[in-house]
Amino acid sequence: MAAIKYKEKCVRCRKNWVITSWRSRGQLCYDCQKEELKGKIADPEMKKFFNIPEQLYKDNGFLRNIKIAYLRYGNLTEKQMEAFKKAVVKMKEDAKNPPPEPKMDWP
């Protein structure tokens, strides 16, 4: 069952709205995390790995957190890399196939 999502103000700036659920507390907006995402990646393999459209980073806080963790610690575990790849593929598929509009069967 999918978690119910709702909008909440960013914890840091209290200006922008962030989509969240009861599972993820303390969400930050893209504008607040933008500076943390601007790090130098020396490894060419990881540079290619994180070379995805910026819109995906704006839409998904999980992808931002993975990149920030790499920039902070210098490496990722295999599970983190697999989860990142899986999330990117899912978001690209969702962008290609948007859900159909619900039909109103009211008289």
Foldseek 3Di string as FASTA:
>chain_A
DDFDWDWDAQPPPSPDIDIDGPVDPRDHACVVLVVLLPDDDDDPVVVVLLPDDVVLVRNDVLLSVLSSVCRVPVDDDPVSSVVNVVSVVVVVVCVVPPDDDDDDPDD
